[in-house]
Amino acid sequence: MEWKAFLRTEGDINLTSERKLWQETHLSEETMEVLEEDSQYFIHQSMSTPCLNVVTDADGIYLIDMDGRKYMDFHGNSVHQVGYKNRYVIDAVKNQLDELPFLPRRFTNPVAIQLAKKLAELAPGDLNKVLFTPGGTSAIGMALKLARKATGKFKTISTWDSFHGASLDAISVGGEGVFRNSMGPLLPGTEHMMPYNSYRCFMGDCDGCGLKCLDYLAYMLERESDVGAIIMEPVRSTDIQIPPKAYFKRLRELCDRYGVLLILDEIPTAFGRTGKMFVHEHYDIVPDIVVIGKGFGGGVFPMAGIIVREGLDVAQDISLGHYTHEKSSVGCAAALATIEYIEQNGLVEHASQMEKVIEARLQDMKSRYMPIGDVRVIGMMAAIELVTDRKTKDKASDEAEKVMYRCMERGLSFKVSSGNVLTLVPPLIATEEQLVLALDIVEEAIQHVCGF
């Protein structure tokens, strides 16, 4: 089936001729044989199998493939805040494995309590109750269930283009076609509104429209009394959409006015990524539920969870999660060590400082290269949007894919989002020198592909 039959959404497409050419040019026969075996046994799906390459090692900011090539990993599925093989996290996990590798439900353990206490100390306001689970998708499910239990209302409002996980309940509140299309009936009561987006909102320019999208939300809430929660990404982690503070200030006001819980999905963005420990700290609001995951486990152990306001501890008579590894001693040790490492090494402050370096460089590139239609930066997250025309904002999707593979040739890996957005998400341990090198590679690739 031709790849053009698919909608370009998140990630590079794994069926393009461009990918095949890159593999034929750069991968050894041995690596191609392993990829073929992988393809034989794993179910094929968009953005995954068939896979691009075989990784056999990872260290710090680098991935190392089967042929010995090193790539700076500026993607990492947002789990690599503290880098790969972080010794501090691994030692904590090893110690916990020797002490208590697993415990069944009904029991607790000291490290789980230490982690919960630490999160309560870090989170603002009365966000001081937690529940853990191994994956972000299941954490979203717990948040949705808690909202129903606490409010007695079953409807949710979320945004189109959002991503909240891949299970049926998560894709129901999510808004990406690559997950929802052809799935049939989804969770009832999951309504959607337009996302904050500075160039695609059909209402016009979000920065200058007076936040008409929230006028529409108010219109929905006025007419639907059974909405229990609004779920949003405070910063969209794929193509890096960053709403202004006024957006979330008004959103919080609307939730309070209509008795709706505000759930913020910070699974890929919490723990220092944006220059704050939690993303909502940029907006000076306290959400009702914060969903965390990905980097929470330090790139070693899958960990996720929810942090909720104390008044929402109302579900004692039901099981919100009841997951086998709910209070995983090993997972909690990894998460606690991750937070300690971030704090002890000043990685939140580092991310804030590197934002200035990245922003200045990308703005300079935008001023000199017409295919760069927009750049967006917060902390150590950056988006470079490639267009064929700055006025029409037509996507330069083919060029974006070519730029990505050109960068891979030179040792830099990142994600292409929305078909035309180069999304750079480096580990928080990346130095200024490494960031400058990566941006040098990106600039050269844009020059090469776009003819400058």
Protein backbone atom coordinates (compact mmCIF):
# COMPACT_ATOMS: atom_id res chain seq x y z
CA MET A 1 0.00 0.00 0.00
CA GLU A 2 1.34 3.43 -0.92
CA TRP A 3 2.32 5.63 2.03
CA LYS A 4 0.42 8.53 0.42
CA ALA A 5 -2.76 6.72 1.36
CA PHE A 6 -1.97 7.59 4.96
CA LEU A 7 -2.49 10.90 6.68
CA ARG A 8 0.75 12.51 7.81
CA THR A 9 0.34 12.96 11.53
CA GLU A 10 2.96 12.18 14.16
CA GLY A 11 6.37 10.77 13.42
CA ASP A 12 8.11 9.84 10.24
CA ILE A 13 6.22 7.42 8.01
CA ASN A 14 7.75 3.95 7.99
CA LEU A 15 6.61 3.08 4.46
CA THR A 16 8.25 5.83 2.40
CA SER A 17 10.80 5.41 -0.35
CA GLU A 18 12.97 7.92 1.55
CA ARG A 19 13.26 5.55 4.50
CA LYS A 20 14.01 2.60 2.25
CA LEU A 21 16.75 4.57 0.50
CA TRP A 22 18.31 5.59 3.83
CA GLN A 23 18.34 2.01 5.04
CA GLU A 24 19.82 0.68 1.81
CA THR A 25 22.53 3.35 1.90
CA HIS A 26 23.52 3.26 5.55
CA LEU A 27 22.68 -0.10 7.11
CA SER A 28 24.71 -3.27 6.88
CA GLU A 29 23.39 -6.54 5.53
CA GLU A 30 23.50 -7.95 9.07
CA THR A 31 21.34 -5.10 10.38
CA MET A 32 18.84 -5.51 7.53
CA GLU A 33 18.53 -9.21 8.36
CA VAL A 34 17.70 -8.37 11.99
CA LEU A 35 15.13 -5.79 10.86
CA GLU A 36 13.54 -8.39 8.62
CA GLU A 37 13.30 -10.83 11.51
CA ASP A 38 11.76 -8.13 13.70
CA SER A 39 9.22 -7.40 10.98
CA GLN A 40 8.40 -11.10 10.74
CA TYR A 41 7.37 -11.48 14.36
CA PHE A 42 5.93 -8.13 15.41
CA ILE A 43 2.54 -6.83 14.33
CA HIS A 44 3.00 -4.02 11.84
CA GLN A 45 1.71 -0.59 12.79
CA SER A 46 2.15 3.04 11.83
CA MET A 47 5.21 4.79 13.30
CA SER A 48 6.64 1.50 14.58
CA THR A 49 7.10 -1.86 12.88
CA PRO A 50 8.66 -2.11 10.30
CA CYS A 51 11.44 -0.39 12.25
CA LEU A 52 14.08 2.04 11.06
CA ASN A 53 17.22 0.58 12.63
CA VAL A 54 18.56 -1.77 15.31
CA VAL A 55 19.86 -0.15 18.51
CA THR A 56 22.16 -2.27 20.64
CA ASP A 57 23.44 0.26 23.17
CA ALA A 58 22.63 3.67 24.63
CA ASP A 59 24.67 5.94 26.87
CA GLY A 60 24.12 9.52 28.03
CA ILE A 61 22.61 11.43 25.11
CA TYR A 62 23.57 8.76 22.55
CA LEU A 63 22.00 5.77 20.86
CA ILE A 64 24.42 3.25 19.32
CA ASP A 65 23.20 1.08 16.47
CA MET A 66 24.19 -2.43 15.48
CA ASP A 67 26.77 -1.12 13.04
CA GLY A 68 28.44 0.99 15.73
CA ARG A 69 27.08 4.40 14.69
CA LYS A 70 26.32 6.90 17.45
CA TYR A 71 23.32 9.24 17.29
CA MET A 72 22.53 12.13 19.57
CA ASP A 73 19.00 11.21 20.61
CA PHE A 74 16.78 14.30 20.50
CA HIS A 75 13.60 12.23 20.58
CA GLY A 76 13.84 9.49 23.21
CA ASN A 77 10.07 9.12 23.46
CA SER A 78 10.42 11.80 26.15
CA VAL A 79 11.76 9.31 28.70
CA HIS A 80 15.41 10.36 28.70
CA GLN A 81 15.55 13.51 30.83
CA VAL A 82 18.48 12.18 32.85
CA GLY A 83 20.08 10.38 29.91
CA TYR A 84 20.59 6.74 29.13
CA LYS A 85 22.30 4.43 31.63
CA ASN A 86 22.10 7.06 34.32
CA ARG A 87 24.28 5.53 37.03
CA TYR A 88 22.41 7.16 39.90
CA VAL A 89 19.08 5.71 38.76
CA ILE A 90 20.49 2.31 37.88
CA ASP A 91 22.19 1.97 41.26
CA ALA A 92 18.92 2.80 43.02
CA VAL A 93 17.13 0.16 40.96
CA LYS A 94 19.82 -2.46 41.63
CA ASN A 95 19.71 -1.81 45.34
CA GLN A 96 15.94 -2.13 45.33
CA LEU A 97 16.09 -5.36 43.35
CA ASP A 98 18.31 -6.84 46.03
CA GLU A 99 16.07 -5.57 48.82
CA LEU A 100 12.50 -5.93 47.52
CA PRO A 101 11.93 -6.63 43.79
CA PHE A 102 8.13 -6.93 43.97
CA LEU A 103 5.28 -6.79 46.42
CA PRO A 104 1.63 -7.73 45.84
CA ARG A 105 -1.31 -5.39 46.24
CA ARG A 106 -2.65 -4.68 49.75
CA PHE A 107 0.92 -3.92 50.89
CA THR A 108 3.00 -0.79 50.75
CA ASN A 109 6.74 -0.17 50.95
CA PRO A 110 8.88 2.71 52.25
CA VAL A 111 10.20 3.84 48.87
CA ALA A 112 6.67 4.22 47.45
CA ILE A 113 5.75 6.45 50.40
CA GLN A 114 8.95 8.48 49.99
CA LEU A 115 8.12 9.04 46.31
CA ALA A 116 4.53 10.04 47.04
CA LYS A 117 5.69 12.46 49.73
CA LYS A 118 8.26 13.97 47.35
CA LEU A 119 5.65 14.58 44.65
CA ALA A 120 3.33 16.21 47.18
CA GLU A 121 6.17 18.52 48.21
CA LEU A 122 7.01 19.44 44.62
CA ALA A 123 3.51 19.97 43.27
CA PRO A 124 1.89 23.34 44.00
CA GLY A 125 -1.24 24.03 46.02
CA ASP A 126 -3.11 21.08 47.45
CA LEU A 127 -1.92 18.59 44.83
CA ASN A 128 -0.85 16.11 47.46
CA LYS A 129 -2.53 12.76 46.71
CA VAL A 130 -1.06 10.28 44.23
CA LEU A 131 -1.71 6.95 42.56
CA PHE A 132 0.86 5.06 40.49
CA THR A 133 0.67 2.76 37.50
CA PRO A 134 3.21 1.37 35.02
CA GLY A 135 2.01 3.34 31.96
CA GLY A 136 0.80 6.80 30.99
CA THR A 137 -2.22 5.45 29.12
CA SER A 138 -3.51 3.68 32.23
CA ALA A 139 -2.84 6.83 34.26
CA ILE A 140 -5.14 8.70 31.87
CA GLY A 141 -7.76 6.02 32.49
CA MET A 142 -7.46 6.50 36.24
CA ALA A 143 -7.85 10.27 35.86
CA LEU A 144 -11.00 9.83 33.76
CA LYS A 145 -12.50 7.40 36.26
CA LEU A 146 -11.71 9.65 39.20
CA ALA A 147 -13.33 12.62 37.43
CA ARG A 148 -16.53 10.62 36.95
CA LYS A 149 -16.51 9.44 40.55
CA ALA A 150 -15.82 12.89 41.99
CA THR A 151 -18.28 14.87 39.87
CA GLY A 152 -20.98 12.33 39.09
CA LYS A 153 -20.72 13.52 35.46
CA PHE A 154 -19.46 11.37 32.61
CA LYS A 155 -18.69 13.75 29.75
CA THR A 156 -15.25 15.10 28.93
CA ILE A 157 -14.03 17.84 26.63
CA SER A 158 -10.62 17.53 25.02
CA THR A 159 -9.04 18.92 21.87
CA TRP A 160 -8.59 17.66 18.37
CA ASP A 161 -4.97 16.79 17.49
CA SER A 162 -4.24 15.89 21.12
CA PHE A 163 -2.61 12.63 22.23
CA HIS A 164 -3.35 11.00 25.58
CA GLY A 165 -2.40 7.37 24.98
CA ALA A 166 -3.30 4.44 22.77
CA SER A 167 -5.98 2.47 24.69
CA LEU A 168 -9.62 2.81 23.69
CA ASP A 169 -10.49 5.22 26.49
CA ALA A 170 -7.36 7.29 25.81
CA ILE A 171 -7.93 7.54 22.06
CA SER A 172 -11.52 8.49 22.82
CA VAL A 173 -10.36 11.67 24.53
CA GLY A 174 -7.40 11.95 22.16
CA GLY A 175 -7.76 13.68 18.85
CA GLU A 176 -5.29 12.11 16.41
CA GLY A 177 -6.75 10.28 13.42
CA VAL A 178 -3.90 7.79 13.21
CA PHE A 179 -5.15 6.32 16.51
CA ARG A 180 -8.92 6.87 16.17
CA ASN A 181 -9.67 6.17 12.52
CA SER A 182 -11.57 2.95 11.72
CA MET A 183 -11.89 2.03 15.39
CA GLY A 184 -15.67 2.20 15.46
CA PRO A 185 -17.61 3.42 18.51
CA LEU A 186 -15.40 4.99 21.14
CA LEU A 187 -16.07 6.01 24.74
CA PRO A 188 -19.39 7.88 24.87
CA GLY A 189 -19.42 11.46 26.10
CA THR A 190 -15.96 12.33 24.81
CA GLU A 191 -16.48 15.66 23.10
CA HIS A 192 -13.85 17.74 21.35
CA MET A 193 -13.06 21.37 20.65
CA MET A 194 -10.44 23.06 18.50
CA PRO A 195 -6.94 23.07 20.00
CA TYR A 196 -4.84 26.06 20.82
CA ASN A 197 -2.79 26.39 17.69
CA SER A 198 -1.22 29.54 16.34
CA TYR A 199 -1.73 28.72 12.68
CA ARG A 200 -4.42 26.09 12.11
CA CYS A 201 -7.33 27.30 14.25
CA PHE A 202 -10.18 28.03 11.88
CA MET A 203 -11.17 30.99 14.06
CA GLY A 204 -8.02 32.80 12.97
CA ASP A 205 -4.82 33.87 14.68
CA CYS A 206 -5.00 32.58 18.26
CA ASP A 207 -2.48 35.12 19.48
CA GLY A 208 -4.68 37.98 18.36
CA CYS A 209 -8.21 36.59 18.40
CA GLY A 210 -9.03 37.14 22.04
CA LEU A 211 -8.99 33.37 22.62
CA LYS A 212 -12.16 32.69 20.67
CA CYS A 213 -11.55 28.96 21.11
CA LEU A 214 -12.31 29.41 24.80
CA ASP A 215 -15.41 31.38 23.92
CA TYR A 216 -16.52 28.22 22.13
CA LEU A 217 -15.64 26.14 25.19
CA ALA A 218 -17.76 28.44 27.35
CA TYR A 219 -20.57 27.99 24.83
CA MET A 220 -20.29 24.19 25.20
CA LEU A 221 -20.21 24.29 28.99
CA GLU A 222 -23.20 26.61 29.14
CA ARG A 223 -25.29 24.07 27.25
CA GLU A 224 -23.99 20.79 28.67
CA SER A 225 -24.41 20.34 32.39
CA ASP A 226 -22.97 16.81 32.45
CA VAL A 227 -19.35 17.66 31.59
CA GLY A 228 -17.16 16.38 34.40
CA ALA A 229 -13.68 17.15 33.13
CA ILE A 230 -11.61 18.98 30.58
CA ILE A 231 -8.37 17.22 29.64
CA MET A 232 -5.55 18.99 27.86
CA GLU A 233 -1.82 18.96 27.25
CA PRO A 234 -0.48 22.18 28.78
CA VAL A 235 2.20 22.15 26.08
CA ARG A 236 1.70 19.84 23.14
CA SER A 237 4.84 17.75 23.11
CA THR A 238 4.76 16.64 19.49
CA ASP A 239 4.76 19.86 17.46
CA ILE A 240 5.39 22.04 20.55
CA GLN A 241 2.30 24.23 20.75
CA ILE A 242 2.67 26.65 23.67
CA PRO A 243 -0.47 28.52 24.77
CA PRO A 244 -0.07 31.90 26.48
CA LYS A 245 -0.62 32.25 30.21
CA ALA A 246 -3.96 33.98 29.56
CA TYR A 247 -5.26 30.80 27.92
CA PHE A 248 -4.88 28.65 31.02
CA LYS A 249 -5.91 31.42 33.38
CA ARG A 250 -9.24 31.64 31.59
CA LEU A 251 -9.51 27.88 31.25
CA ARG A 252 -9.12 27.51 35.02
CA GLU A 253 -11.81 30.17 35.53
CA LEU A 254 -14.23 28.36 33.20
CA CYS A 255 -13.67 25.06 35.01
CA ASP A 256 -14.35 26.71 38.36
CA ARG A 257 -17.46 28.48 37.06
CA TYR A 258 -19.06 25.34 35.66
CA GLY A 259 -17.88 22.80 38.24
CA VAL A 260 -15.59 20.97 35.83
CA LEU A 261 -12.31 19.30 36.79
CA LEU A 262 -9.19 20.35 34.91
CA ILE A 263 -6.96 17.40 34.00
CA LEU A 264 -3.54 18.30 32.59
CA ASP A 265 -1.65 15.61 30.71
CA GLU A 266 2.04 16.20 31.50
CA ILE A 267 3.12 12.66 30.69
CA PRO A 268 5.83 13.68 28.18
CA THR A 269 6.61 17.13 29.58
CA ALA A 270 6.86 17.07 33.38
CA PHE A 271 10.06 16.82 35.43
CA GLY A 272 12.09 19.71 34.09
CA ARG A 273 11.54 19.42 30.37
CA THR A 274 10.10 22.93 30.03
CA GLY A 275 12.35 24.66 32.56
CA LYS A 276 9.89 23.99 35.40
CA MET A 277 9.41 20.76 37.33
CA PHE A 278 5.75 20.75 36.19
CA VAL A 279 4.49 22.49 33.07
CA HIS A 280 1.46 24.11 34.71
CA GLU A 281 3.83 26.13 36.89
CA HIS A 282 4.39 28.34 33.83
CA TYR A 283 0.72 29.32 33.97
CA ASP A 284 0.33 30.08 37.68
CA ILE A 285 -2.64 27.75 38.03
CA VAL A 286 -3.32 24.60 40.03
CA PRO A 287 -5.07 21.89 38.00
CA ASP A 288 -7.29 19.32 39.69
CA ILE A 289 -5.41 16.31 38.32
CA VAL A 290 -1.93 16.10 36.81
CA VAL A 291 -1.02 13.00 34.82
CA ILE A 292 2.67 12.05 34.77
CA GLY A 293 4.75 9.36 33.09
CA LYS A 294 7.52 8.73 30.55
CA GLY A 295 10.59 10.46 32.07
CA PHE A 296 9.21 9.72 35.54
CA GLY A 297 10.99 6.35 35.50
CA GLY A 298 14.39 7.72 34.51
CA GLY A 299 14.54 5.80 31.24
CA VAL A 300 14.95 2.58 33.25
CA PHE A 301 11.55 1.50 34.52
CA PRO A 302 8.04 2.26 33.18
CA MET A 303 6.33 4.52 35.71
CA ALA A 304 3.34 6.82 35.53
CA GLY A 305 0.65 8.15 37.81
CA ILE A 306 -1.68 10.93 38.81
CA ILE A 307 -1.26 13.72 41.33
CA VAL A 308 -4.60 15.08 42.51
CA ARG A 309 -6.01 17.69 44.83
CA GLU A 310 -6.69 16.44 48.34
CA GLY A 311 -10.43 16.96 48.04
CA LEU A 312 -10.57 14.38 45.24
CA ASP A 313 -9.68 11.49 47.51
CA VAL A 314 -13.24 10.18 47.20
CA ALA A 315 -12.95 6.73 45.58
CA GLN A 316 -12.36 4.39 48.48
CA ASP A 317 -15.33 2.21 47.49
CA ILE A 318 -14.06 1.47 43.96
CA SER A 319 -10.74 0.52 42.35
CA LEU A 320 -9.40 3.36 40.23
CA GLY A 321 -6.34 1.44 39.14
CA HIS A 322 -5.74 -1.81 40.99
CA TYR A 323 -2.77 -2.50 38.75
CA THR A 324 -0.40 -5.35 39.54
CA HIS A 325 2.59 -3.01 39.74
CA GLU A 326 0.70 -0.09 41.33
CA LYS A 327 3.28 0.53 44.07
CA SER A 328 6.21 -1.11 42.35
CA SER A 329 9.16 -0.95 44.71
CA VAL A 330 11.60 -0.98 41.79
CA GLY A 331 9.64 1.59 39.79
CA CYS A 332 9.32 3.90 42.77
CA ALA A 333 13.05 3.61 43.45
CA ALA A 334 13.78 4.58 39.84
CA ALA A 335 11.37 7.53 39.94
CA LEU A 336 12.64 8.83 43.27
CA ALA A 337 16.25 8.60 42.07
CA THR A 338 15.30 10.41 38.86
CA ILE A 339 13.80 13.34 40.76
CA GLU A 340 16.79 13.45 43.12
CA TYR A 341 19.21 13.47 40.20
CA ILE A 342 17.31 16.30 38.47
CA GLU A 343 17.39 18.36 41.67
CA GLN A 344 20.98 17.62 42.67
CA ASN A 345 22.31 18.47 39.20
CA GLY A 346 20.23 21.59 38.61
CA LEU A 347 18.66 20.20 35.44
CA VAL A 348 15.50 22.32 35.72
CA GLU A 349 17.60 25.48 35.82
CA HIS A 350 19.80 24.12 33.03
CA ALA A 351 16.77 23.58 30.81
CA SER A 352 15.66 27.15 31.44
CA GLN A 353 19.11 28.47 30.51
CA MET A 354 19.38 26.31 27.38
CA GLU A 355 16.00 27.63 26.22
CA LYS A 356 17.67 30.99 25.56
CA VAL A 357 20.47 29.34 23.57
CA ILE A 358 18.07 27.30 21.43
CA GLU A 359 15.63 30.18 20.94
CA ALA A 360 18.32 32.60 19.78
CA ARG A 361 19.77 30.13 17.32
CA LEU A 362 16.43 29.08 15.84
CA GLN A 363 15.22 32.67 15.46
CA ASP A 364 18.43 33.43 13.59
CA MET A 365 17.86 30.43 11.32
CA LYS A 366 14.25 31.50 10.70
CA SER A 367 15.40 34.96 9.63
CA ARG A 368 17.73 33.44 7.03
CA TYR A 369 15.85 30.44 5.63
CA MET A 370 12.44 30.95 4.03
CA PRO A 371 11.31 27.30 4.43
CA ILE A 372 11.27 27.82 8.20
CA GLY A 373 7.74 29.06 8.78
CA ASP A 374 7.84 29.11 12.57
CA VAL A 375 9.99 28.10 15.53
CA ARG A 376 8.67 27.36 19.01
CA VAL A 377 10.81 26.77 22.09
CA ILE A 378 10.12 26.12 25.76
CA GLY A 379 12.85 24.76 27.99
CA MET A 380 14.62 21.98 26.13
CA MET A 381 11.80 21.36 23.65
CA ALA A 382 11.94 22.95 20.22
CA ALA A 383 9.92 22.84 17.01
CA ILE A 384 11.07 23.93 13.56
CA GLU A 385 8.15 24.11 11.18
CA LEU A 386 9.05 23.71 7.51
CA VAL A 387 6.69 25.21 4.93
CA THR A 388 6.62 25.74 1.18
CA ASP A 389 5.09 29.21 1.62
CA ARG A 390 5.13 31.32 4.78
CA LYS A 391 1.87 33.06 3.93
CA THR A 392 -0.19 29.95 3.22
CA LYS A 393 1.69 27.79 5.75
CA ASP A 394 1.58 24.86 3.29
CA LYS A 395 3.52 21.97 4.78
CA ALA A 396 6.92 21.02 3.42
CA SER A 397 6.48 17.38 4.45
CA ASP A 398 8.80 15.80 1.90
CA GLU A 399 11.53 18.27 2.79
CA ALA A 400 11.08 17.63 6.51
CA GLU A 401 11.58 13.91 6.03
CA LYS A 402 14.67 14.50 3.90
CA VAL A 403 16.09 16.84 6.55
CA MET A 404 15.54 14.19 9.22
CA TYR A 405 17.41 11.52 7.28
CA ARG A 406 20.20 13.96 6.41
CA CYS A 407 20.59 14.63 10.14
CA MET A 408 20.58 10.90 10.86
CA GLU A 409 23.51 10.56 8.44
CA ARG A 410 25.42 13.07 10.56
CA GLY A 411 24.57 11.52 13.92
CA LEU A 412 21.42 13.30 15.10
CA SER A 413 18.06 11.60 15.66
CA PHE A 414 14.79 13.43 16.26
CA LYS A 415 11.11 13.18 15.46
CA VAL A 416 9.09 14.70 12.65
CA SER A 417 5.64 15.75 13.93
CA SER A 418 2.51 16.77 12.03
CA GLY A 419 4.29 15.88 8.80
CA ASN A 420 6.48 18.99 8.66
CA VAL A 421 7.68 19.88 12.16
CA LEU A 422 11.21 18.99 13.23
CA THR A 423 10.78 18.30 16.94
CA LEU A 424 13.93 18.44 19.05
CA VAL A 425 13.68 16.99 22.56
CA PRO A 426 17.20 16.47 23.92
CA PRO A 427 18.02 14.89 27.27
CA LEU A 428 18.27 17.50 30.02
CA ILE A 429 21.87 16.44 30.54
CA ALA A 430 22.84 17.69 27.06
CA THR A 431 25.47 20.42 27.29
CA GLU A 432 25.41 23.73 25.48
CA GLU A 433 28.18 22.48 23.21
CA GLN A 434 26.17 19.40 22.29
CA LEU A 435 23.08 21.51 21.61
CA VAL A 436 25.08 23.85 19.37
CA LEU A 437 26.47 20.87 17.46
CA ALA A 438 22.99 19.43 16.98
CA LEU A 439 21.66 22.75 15.70
CA ASP A 440 24.65 23.00 13.34
CA ILE A 441 23.63 19.63 11.91
CA VAL A 442 19.99 20.74 11.54
CA GLU A 443 20.98 23.98 9.82
CA GLU A 444 23.29 22.21 7.38
CA ALA A 445 20.53 19.70 6.56
CA ILE A 446 18.01 22.47 5.86
CA GLN A 447 20.57 24.23 3.66
CA HIS A 448 21.27 21.00 1.78
CA VAL A 449 17.68 19.84 1.32
CA CYS A 450 16.11 23.23 0.61
CA GLY A 451 18.84 24.47 -1.73
CA PHE A 452 20.40 27.26 0.30
